[in-house]
Amino acid sequence: MLQQAILPFKLERTDELITPRSGLALFAELVRAFKVRQRVERQFPQPGSNRGYEAWSYIEPLLLMMEGGGRHVEDLREIRDDTALRALTGLGRMPSLSTFGDWLVRAGAQGGPEAMRMVNEEVAGRILSRPADRDYTLDVDTTVIESAKKEAAWTYKKVKGYQPMLGYLAENGVCLAHEFREGNINAQTGALAFLEHCYGLCPKIRRLRSDSAFYKSDVIRWCQAKDIAFTITADQTPGMKEVIRTVGDWKRLWGPEGEETDREVGTAVHLVSKTQEAVRLVIQRWRDPQLQLFEPAGYCYHVIATNRDDLTPEQVVWFHNRRGQAENLIKELKIGLGMEQMSSGDFGANSLWFSIGVLAYNLTQAQKFLFLEADWRPRTIATLRWQLINVAGRLVRHGRRWVLRLAASAEKFALFLDLRRRMAEILLT
């Protein structure tokens, strides 16, 4: 045998229907279980002629591409050329790759982002209906997405791009709502409206955690009126610094497992501008390794405003610190599903692209929390690709049916069978 390279094997091409991404067929079944196509067809207008492609013809390949690890429109070639996967998922007629960018721009200018937002919220509502007796903690945060296009605005991080606002439910990681925004929008803009929108989608929200973007009088009044327990990072304004100087009950801050930290914790009361009620402040301090001029005692401070009188100061800190999980969820959306950069110079196209990414993210969360065992829940999309999606399979005809023969262990084969059974059950309910 003629050796082609270093290792002693020879390359040959085959026309057999083989896919390296059998797990994407399960994802396609998940899409059908949540009736995403019907929701898209209800929200998006039909093409102008019978020769045009409907919105679903673009959205379905993009969902499969993002879930499989693609990050750019050019990566759709892998979906187009995977004939076995297309046969499994029924992805027959597919637009040419050159038209996807045009469709994003066109749909982005004709209400596509709003339509996609509605689809996302319907899917999120379907996820939240199982189980139906849970209440939720809302974590709200903004994130910066870079863009090298000249049309993008400068962000506070001194890079050009966009600054979407996202609302996650801590109990299952679902992105309940999102708002794609220009990079130069103040993070506090529209905070109350976004919170009200999230509450309208999920009235079972009972707790709110946020950074200082939500430290506003109207937000605090609204939370008090709705009996929502909140912990919000407070801005360290000159007035707040004066309040910090009055604290005299500093004591050692211990971790939730009883571990010692290098921080102290104290409490105070602060009257937020225009509010009728004072809020409780839980303040952490630790030695500043670089002493600052005019700062008292050389300390760094972190202030949490809260109405949670049911928690000790230490418990407020522990609870609020868990909002860091929202940053991991944002990282999953940006890095895991390719939303960390926008390749288009068109705002509407980028908004639509981002919303499709949010849908892929939420469907992934649904797969982990509703259909897989509990030990799958902390796993990232990168791990899911390694362990569940990138499984080789050979597609053959048996009678009038397709048969997917997996190159997998008996344990993984049983997992595929169980996952399909569980998703079929939700389709029937």
Protein backbone atom coordinates (compact mmCIF):
# COMPACT_ATOMS: atom_id res chain seq x y z
CA MET A 1 0.00 0.00 0.00
CA LEU A 2 1.32 3.42 -0.97
CA GLN A 3 1.77 5.51 2.17
CA GLN A 4 0.10 8.92 1.73
CA ALA A 5 1.46 10.60 4.84
CA ILE A 6 2.93 9.88 8.27
CA LEU A 7 0.50 7.27 9.66
CA PRO A 8 -0.04 4.00 7.74
CA PHE A 9 -3.54 4.55 6.35
CA LYS A 10 -4.96 5.58 3.01
CA LEU A 11 -7.70 8.12 2.29
CA GLU A 12 -10.63 7.25 0.07
CA ARG A 13 -13.90 8.99 -0.63
CA THR A 14 -17.28 7.36 -0.10
CA ASP A 15 -20.80 8.21 -1.24
CA GLU A 16 -22.39 6.46 1.71
CA LEU A 17 -24.75 8.55 3.81
CA ILE A 18 -22.60 9.14 6.88
CA THR A 19 -22.87 12.09 9.27
CA PRO A 20 -20.39 13.11 11.97
CA ARG A 21 -23.19 15.00 13.79
CA SER A 22 -25.91 12.48 14.57
CA GLY A 23 -26.80 14.45 17.70
CA LEU A 24 -28.04 17.32 15.54
CA ALA A 25 -30.88 15.04 14.46
CA LEU A 26 -31.94 14.96 18.11
CA PHE A 27 -31.73 18.74 18.21
CA ALA A 28 -33.94 18.89 15.11
CA GLU A 29 -36.46 16.69 16.92
CA LEU A 30 -36.30 19.06 19.86
CA VAL A 31 -37.11 21.94 17.49
CA ARG A 32 -40.14 20.03 16.30
CA ALA A 33 -41.20 19.10 19.83
CA PHE A 34 -41.45 22.82 20.62
CA LYS A 35 -43.19 23.51 17.30
CA VAL A 36 -40.69 26.19 16.39
CA ARG A 37 -41.50 26.05 12.69
CA GLN A 38 -45.18 26.74 13.30
CA ARG A 39 -44.28 29.64 15.58
CA VAL A 40 -41.94 31.11 12.95
CA GLU A 41 -44.55 30.76 10.20
CA ARG A 42 -47.08 32.52 12.43
CA GLN A 43 -44.79 35.48 13.15
CA PHE A 44 -42.95 35.97 9.83
CA PRO A 45 -44.65 37.04 6.59
CA GLN A 46 -44.81 34.62 3.70
CA PRO A 47 -42.52 35.23 0.67
CA GLY A 48 -43.81 37.53 -2.02
CA SER A 49 -43.87 34.82 -4.71
CA ASN A 50 -44.30 31.06 -4.78
CA ARG A 51 -40.67 30.77 -5.89
CA GLY A 52 -39.29 32.53 -2.82
CA TYR A 53 -38.05 30.93 0.36
CA GLU A 54 -40.01 31.31 3.57
CA ALA A 55 -38.26 32.46 6.74
CA TRP A 56 -38.05 28.93 8.15
CA SER A 57 -35.88 27.85 5.20
CA TYR A 58 -33.23 30.24 6.51
CA ILE A 59 -33.78 29.88 10.25
CA GLU A 60 -33.65 26.07 10.45
CA PRO A 61 -30.19 25.72 8.83
CA LEU A 62 -28.91 28.57 11.01
CA LEU A 63 -30.15 26.85 14.17
CA LEU A 64 -28.48 23.58 13.17
CA MET A 65 -25.27 25.40 12.27
CA MET A 66 -25.10 27.34 15.55
CA GLU A 67 -25.87 24.24 17.62
CA GLY A 68 -23.22 22.30 15.72
CA GLY A 69 -20.53 24.91 16.34
CA GLY A 70 -20.68 27.16 13.27
CA ARG A 71 -20.04 30.85 13.85
CA HIS A 72 -20.46 32.49 10.45
CA VAL A 73 -22.79 32.21 7.46
CA GLU A 74 -19.97 30.49 5.54
CA ASP A 75 -20.13 27.63 8.06
CA LEU A 76 -23.52 26.68 6.61
CA ARG A 77 -21.52 24.76 3.99
CA GLU A 78 -21.10 21.98 6.55
CA ILE A 79 -24.87 21.69 6.90
CA ARG A 80 -25.41 21.91 3.15
CA ASP A 81 -22.85 19.18 2.41
CA ASP A 82 -24.02 16.81 5.18
CA THR A 83 -26.51 14.90 3.04
CA ALA A 84 -27.14 12.30 5.74
CA LEU A 85 -28.08 14.97 8.28
CA ARG A 86 -30.31 16.72 5.78
CA ALA A 87 -32.08 13.45 5.02
CA LEU A 88 -32.58 12.79 8.73
CA THR A 89 -33.96 16.24 9.48
CA GLY A 90 -35.96 16.66 6.29
CA LEU A 91 -33.84 19.66 5.29
CA GLY A 92 -34.35 19.28 1.57
CA ARG A 93 -34.60 22.56 -0.32
CA MET A 94 -32.05 24.97 1.09
CA PRO A 95 -31.30 28.53 -0.12
CA SER A 96 -27.87 29.21 -1.60
CA LEU A 97 -25.36 30.42 0.96
CA SER A 98 -24.97 33.77 -0.77
CA THR A 99 -28.62 34.63 -0.04
CA PHE A 100 -28.50 34.16 3.74
CA GLY A 101 -26.77 37.48 4.38
CA ASP A 102 -29.23 39.25 2.07
CA TRP A 103 -32.16 37.65 3.89
CA LEU A 104 -30.84 38.75 7.29
CA VAL A 105 -30.56 42.35 6.10
CA ARG A 106 -33.95 42.27 4.38
CA ALA A 107 -35.79 40.57 7.24
CA GLY A 108 -33.95 42.74 9.75
CA ALA A 109 -35.44 45.83 8.12
CA GLN A 110 -38.95 44.34 7.85
CA GLY A 111 -39.74 43.37 11.41
CA GLY A 112 -37.68 40.17 11.59
CA PRO A 113 -36.06 40.93 14.98
CA GLU A 114 -39.44 41.60 16.59
CA ALA A 115 -40.92 38.46 15.01
CA MET A 116 -37.98 36.39 16.23
CA ARG A 117 -38.33 37.89 19.70
CA MET A 118 -41.93 36.72 19.79
CA VAL A 119 -40.87 33.21 18.77
CA ASN A 120 -38.23 33.19 21.50
CA GLU A 121 -40.70 34.27 24.15
CA GLU A 122 -43.24 31.63 23.10
CA VAL A 123 -40.58 28.92 23.31
CA ALA A 124 -39.39 30.23 26.70
CA GLY A 125 -42.97 30.16 27.96
CA ARG A 126 -43.32 26.56 26.81
CA ILE A 127 -40.16 25.62 28.71
CA LEU A 128 -41.39 27.36 31.87
CA SER A 129 -44.65 25.43 31.82
CA ARG A 130 -42.71 22.30 32.87
CA PRO A 131 -42.84 22.22 35.88
CA ALA A 132 -45.64 24.69 36.49
CA ASP A 133 -45.31 25.20 40.25
CA ARG A 134 -41.89 26.88 40.49
CA ASP A 135 -41.10 30.48 41.25
CA TYR A 136 -38.07 32.18 39.73
CA THR A 137 -35.10 34.47 40.28
CA LEU A 138 -34.43 36.94 37.48
CA ASP A 139 -30.81 37.88 36.78
CA VAL A 140 -30.45 40.90 34.51
CA ASP A 141 -27.23 42.02 32.87
CA THR A 142 -25.88 43.70 29.77
CA THR A 143 -22.94 42.53 27.72
CA VAL A 144 -20.73 44.04 25.04
CA ILE A 145 -20.49 42.39 21.63
CA GLU A 146 -17.68 43.63 19.45
CA SER A 147 -18.06 44.62 15.81
CA ALA A 148 -15.37 45.97 13.54
CA LYS A 149 -17.92 47.58 11.23
CA LYS A 150 -17.79 51.36 11.01
CA GLU A 151 -21.55 51.62 11.62
CA ALA A 152 -21.16 50.19 15.14
CA ALA A 153 -21.10 52.63 18.08
CA TRP A 154 -18.41 52.92 20.73
CA THR A 155 -19.16 51.08 23.98
CA TYR A 156 -18.07 51.89 27.53
CA LYS A 157 -15.35 49.25 27.14
CA LYS A 158 -13.77 51.42 24.43
CA VAL A 159 -14.50 48.97 21.64
CA LYS A 160 -17.07 49.37 18.86
CA GLY A 161 -20.06 47.10 18.96
CA TYR A 162 -23.43 46.48 20.58
CA GLN A 163 -24.72 46.18 24.14
CA PRO A 164 -27.74 43.84 24.43
CA MET A 165 -29.65 43.52 27.68
CA LEU A 166 -30.51 39.99 28.80
CA GLY A 167 -32.79 38.56 31.46
CA TYR A 168 -32.03 35.01 32.67
CA LEU A 169 -33.95 32.78 35.04
CA ALA A 170 -31.44 31.43 37.54
CA GLU A 171 -33.28 28.17 38.19
CA ASN A 172 -32.97 26.82 34.63
CA GLY A 173 -30.77 29.27 32.76
CA VAL A 174 -33.49 30.21 30.25
CA CYS A 175 -33.03 33.59 28.57
CA LEU A 176 -36.50 34.92 29.24
CA ALA A 177 -36.08 38.18 27.32
CA HIS A 178 -33.43 40.10 25.44
CA GLU A 179 -33.08 43.50 23.85
CA PHE A 180 -30.41 44.06 21.19
CA ARG A 181 -29.12 47.62 21.52
CA GLU A 182 -26.51 49.97 20.14
CA GLY A 183 -23.21 50.04 21.99
CA ASN A 184 -23.50 53.62 23.21
CA ILE A 185 -26.87 53.16 24.97
CA ASN A 186 -26.69 53.86 28.70
CA ALA A 187 -27.17 50.59 30.58
CA GLN A 188 -29.86 52.19 32.78
CA THR A 189 -31.98 53.21 29.80
CA GLY A 190 -35.21 51.24 29.70
CA ALA A 191 -34.41 49.26 32.85
CA LEU A 192 -37.92 49.42 34.30
CA ALA A 193 -39.59 48.70 30.96
CA PHE A 194 -37.38 45.64 30.50
CA LEU A 195 -38.18 44.42 34.02
CA GLU A 196 -41.91 44.90 33.48
CA HIS A 197 -41.67 43.00 30.21
CA CYS A 198 -39.91 40.07 31.90
CA TYR A 199 -42.52 40.01 34.65
CA GLY A 200 -45.29 40.00 32.05
CA LEU A 201 -43.73 36.93 30.46
CA CYS A 202 -43.21 35.18 33.80
CA PRO A 203 -45.40 36.45 36.68
CA LYS A 204 -43.78 33.81 38.90
CA ILE A 205 -40.64 35.95 39.20
CA ARG A 206 -40.18 36.49 42.95
CA ARG A 207 -36.56 37.66 43.17
CA LEU A 208 -34.38 40.08 41.20
CA ARG A 209 -30.59 40.33 41.08
CA SER A 210 -28.84 42.99 39.04
CA ASP A 211 -25.82 45.21 38.75
CA SER A 212 -25.99 48.98 39.20
CA ALA A 213 -27.88 49.49 35.93
CA PHE A 214 -31.07 48.71 37.89
CA TYR A 215 -30.23 50.84 40.93
CA LYS A 216 -32.96 53.32 40.10
CA SER A 217 -35.81 54.73 42.13
CA ASP A 218 -38.52 53.59 39.70
CA VAL A 219 -37.16 50.03 39.67
CA ILE A 220 -37.04 49.88 43.48
CA ARG A 221 -40.57 51.30 43.80
CA TRP A 222 -41.85 48.77 41.28
CA CYS A 223 -40.20 45.85 43.10
CA GLN A 224 -41.67 47.00 46.40
CA ALA A 225 -45.14 47.26 44.84
CA LYS A 226 -44.89 43.77 43.29
CA ASP A 227 -43.43 42.26 46.47
CA ILE A 228 -40.30 41.18 44.59
CA ALA A 229 -37.22 40.60 46.73
CA PHE A 230 -34.23 42.34 45.18
CA THR A 231 -30.48 42.63 45.58
CA ILE A 232 -28.98 45.32 43.36
CA THR A 233 -25.41 46.55 43.22
CA ALA A 234 -25.45 50.23 44.18
CA ASP A 235 -23.45 52.99 42.55
CA GLN A 236 -20.78 54.47 44.80
CA THR A 237 -21.77 58.09 44.37
CA PRO A 238 -20.40 60.82 46.65
CA GLY A 239 -23.57 60.50 48.74
CA MET A 240 -23.13 56.75 49.00
CA LYS A 241 -19.55 57.19 50.15
CA GLU A 242 -20.79 59.44 52.94
CA VAL A 243 -23.18 56.67 54.01
CA ILE A 244 -20.33 54.13 53.96
CA ARG A 245 -18.33 56.33 56.36
CA THR A 246 -21.14 56.04 58.92
CA VAL A 247 -20.94 52.24 59.14
CA GLY A 248 -19.58 51.06 62.46
CA ASP A 249 -20.70 47.44 62.74
CA TRP A 250 -18.04 45.84 60.55
CA LYS A 251 -17.48 42.13 61.15
CA ARG A 252 -15.70 39.30 59.39
CA LEU A 253 -17.44 37.96 56.30
CA TRP A 254 -17.51 34.17 56.16
CA GLY A 255 -18.21 32.14 53.04
CA PRO A 256 -21.34 29.99 52.61
CA GLU A 257 -19.37 26.86 53.57
CA GLY A 258 -17.92 28.51 56.66
CA GLU A 259 -14.65 29.44 54.99
CA GLU A 260 -12.83 32.59 56.04
CA THR A 261 -12.55 35.47 53.56
CA ASP A 262 -10.44 38.61 53.50
CA ARG A 263 -13.56 40.78 53.61
CA GLU A 264 -15.69 42.45 56.23
CA VAL A 265 -19.39 43.21 56.03
CA GLY A 266 -21.50 45.99 57.51
CA THR A 267 -24.98 47.48 57.08
CA ALA A 268 -26.52 50.90 56.60
CA VAL A 269 -29.70 52.56 55.38
CA HIS A 270 -29.93 54.74 52.30
CA LEU A 271 -32.74 56.86 50.90
CA VAL A 272 -32.76 56.45 47.15
CA SER A 273 -33.65 59.60 45.24
CA LYS A 274 -37.40 60.05 44.70
CA THR A 275 -38.37 56.93 46.68
CA GLN A 276 -40.56 57.08 49.75
CA GLU A 277 -38.87 54.18 51.51
CA ALA A 278 -35.28 53.69 52.57
CA VAL A 279 -33.39 50.65 51.36
CA ARG A 280 -31.09 48.45 53.37
CA LEU A 281 -27.44 48.46 52.31
CA VAL A 282 -25.16 45.49 52.81
CA ILE A 283 -21.59 46.71 52.35
CA GLN A 284 -18.44 44.68 51.89
CA ARG A 285 -14.99 46.12 52.38
CA TRP A 286 -11.47 44.80 51.94
CA ARG A 287 -8.03 46.31 52.07
CA ASP A 288 -7.04 48.14 48.92
CA PRO A 289 -3.51 47.03 47.94
CA GLN A 290 -3.09 50.40 46.23
CA LEU A 291 -4.10 53.22 48.58
CA GLN A 292 -6.24 55.89 46.93
CA LEU A 293 -6.02 59.59 47.75
CA PHE A 294 -9.00 60.90 49.75
CA GLU A 295 -10.46 57.40 50.27
CA PRO A 296 -11.13 56.40 53.91
CA ALA A 297 -8.85 53.83 55.54
CA GLY A 298 -7.57 52.47 52.25
CA TYR A 299 -10.49 50.13 51.61
CA CYS A 300 -12.33 48.93 48.54
CA TYR A 301 -16.12 48.67 48.85
CA HIS A 302 -18.97 46.77 47.24
CA VAL A 303 -22.50 47.89 48.09
CA ILE A 304 -25.68 45.82 47.71
CA ALA A 305 -29.09 47.46 48.05
CA THR A 306 -31.81 45.06 49.16
CA ASN A 307 -35.25 44.70 50.68
CA ARG A 308 -34.48 41.17 51.87
CA ASP A 309 -34.93 41.53 55.61
CA ASP A 310 -35.30 37.74 55.82
CA LEU A 311 -31.56 37.31 55.18
CA THR A 312 -28.55 38.12 57.32
CA PRO A 313 -25.90 40.41 55.75
CA GLU A 314 -23.77 37.35 54.99
CA GLN A 315 -26.70 35.59 53.31
CA VAL A 316 -27.42 38.69 51.20
CA VAL A 317 -23.82 38.62 49.95
CA TRP A 318 -23.96 34.89 49.20
CA PHE A 319 -27.28 35.22 47.39
CA HIS A 320 -26.19 38.23 45.36
CA ASN A 321 -22.86 36.66 44.41
CA ARG A 322 -24.71 33.80 42.74
CA ARG A 323 -25.74 36.23 40.02
CA GLY A 324 -22.27 35.57 38.67
CA GLN A 325 -23.83 32.49 37.12
CA ALA A 326 -25.60 34.86 34.70
CA GLU A 327 -22.17 35.88 33.39
CA ASN A 328 -21.46 32.22 32.67
CA LEU A 329 -24.77 31.95 30.81
CA ILE A 330 -23.91 35.03 28.76
CA LYS A 331 -20.54 33.46 28.01
CA GLU A 332 -22.34 30.32 26.86
CA LEU A 333 -24.41 32.39 24.45
CA LYS A 334 -21.51 34.48 23.19
CA ILE A 335 -18.69 31.95 23.03
CA GLY A 336 -20.57 28.65 22.97
CA LEU A 337 -23.02 29.72 20.27
CA GLY A 338 -20.89 32.24 18.40
CA MET A 339 -22.54 35.50 19.45
CA GLU A 340 -19.35 37.20 20.67
CA GLN A 341 -18.92 39.05 17.37
CA MET A 342 -21.28 40.42 14.74
CA SER A 343 -20.08 40.13 11.17
CA SER A 344 -22.66 42.36 9.50
CA GLY A 345 -22.60 46.12 9.37
CA ASP A 346 -26.40 46.26 9.48
CA PHE A 347 -28.03 46.70 12.89
CA GLY A 348 -31.25 44.93 11.94
CA ALA A 349 -29.39 41.94 10.48
CA ASN A 350 -27.26 41.65 13.62
CA SER A 351 -30.32 41.92 15.84
CA LEU A 352 -32.01 39.07 13.95
CA TRP A 353 -28.85 36.95 13.99
CA PHE A 354 -28.51 37.46 17.75
CA SER A 355 -32.14 36.53 18.34
CA ILE A 356 -31.70 33.27 16.41
CA GLY A 357 -28.69 32.59 18.61
CA VAL A 358 -30.82 33.15 21.73
CA LEU A 359 -33.33 30.63 20.39
CA ALA A 360 -30.60 28.04 19.83
CA TYR A 361 -29.37 28.72 23.37
CA ASN A 362 -32.82 28.31 24.93
CA LEU A 363 -33.48 25.08 23.07
CA THR A 364 -30.17 23.75 24.37
CA GLN A 365 -31.21 24.66 27.92
CA ALA A 366 -34.55 22.92 27.36
CA GLN A 367 -32.76 19.77 26.21
CA LYS A 368 -30.58 19.72 29.33
CA PHE A 369 -33.24 20.60 31.92
CA LEU A 370 -36.29 18.80 30.54
CA PHE A 371 -35.00 15.72 28.75
CA LEU A 372 -31.57 14.81 30.14
CA GLU A 373 -30.59 13.67 33.61
CA ALA A 374 -29.55 16.22 36.23
CA ASP A 375 -25.81 15.64 35.77
CA TRP A 376 -26.07 17.10 32.24
CA ARG A 377 -27.36 20.48 33.44
CA PRO A 378 -24.02 22.15 34.28
CA ARG A 379 -22.40 20.98 31.03
CA THR A 380 -21.63 23.60 28.40
CA ILE A 381 -22.62 23.46 24.75
CA ALA A 382 -18.99 22.63 23.93
CA THR A 383 -19.27 19.55 26.16
CA LEU A 384 -22.62 18.62 24.60
CA ARG A 385 -21.03 18.73 21.16
CA TRP A 386 -18.21 16.46 22.31
CA GLN A 387 -20.42 13.98 24.13
CA LEU A 388 -23.79 14.10 22.39
CA ILE A 389 -23.78 15.93 19.05
CA ASN A 390 -20.57 14.81 17.35
CA VAL A 391 -21.51 11.14 17.12
CA ALA A 392 -20.86 9.37 13.81
CA GLY A 393 -23.82 7.64 12.21
CA ARG A 394 -24.51 5.78 8.99
CA LEU A 395 -27.87 6.30 7.34
CA VAL A 396 -29.37 3.35 5.46
CA ARG A 397 -32.75 2.48 3.97
CA HIS A 398 -34.61 -0.41 5.58
CA GLY A 399 -37.88 -1.03 3.86
CA ARG A 400 -39.55 2.37 3.61
CA ARG A 401 -37.77 3.86 6.60
CA TRP A 402 -34.45 5.47 7.31
CA VAL A 403 -32.27 3.73 9.90
CA LEU A 404 -29.46 5.64 11.62
CA ARG A 405 -26.74 3.26 12.76
CA LEU A 406 -24.69 4.97 15.46
CA ALA A 407 -20.99 4.36 16.03
CA ALA A 408 -21.46 4.63 19.78
CA SER A 409 -21.30 2.66 22.99
CA ALA A 410 -24.35 0.80 24.29
CA GLU A 411 -24.71 3.45 26.99
CA LYS A 412 -24.77 6.32 24.51
CA PHE A 413 -27.12 4.40 22.21
CA ALA A 414 -29.52 3.96 25.15
CA LEU A 415 -29.22 7.73 25.85
CA PHE A 416 -30.26 8.53 22.28
CA LEU A 417 -33.27 6.22 22.56
CA ASP A 418 -34.35 7.70 25.89
CA LEU A 419 -33.92 11.27 24.68
CA ARG A 420 -36.07 10.61 21.60
CA ARG A 421 -38.77 9.00 23.73
CA ARG A 422 -38.92 11.94 26.13
CA MET A 423 -39.11 14.51 23.34
CA ALA A 424 -41.90 12.57 21.62
CA GLU A 425 -43.89 12.74 24.85
CA ILE A 426 -43.80 16.54 24.97
CA LEU A 427 -44.90 16.71 21.33
CA LEU A 428 -48.00 14.73 22.22
CA THR A 429 -48.93 16.94 25.20
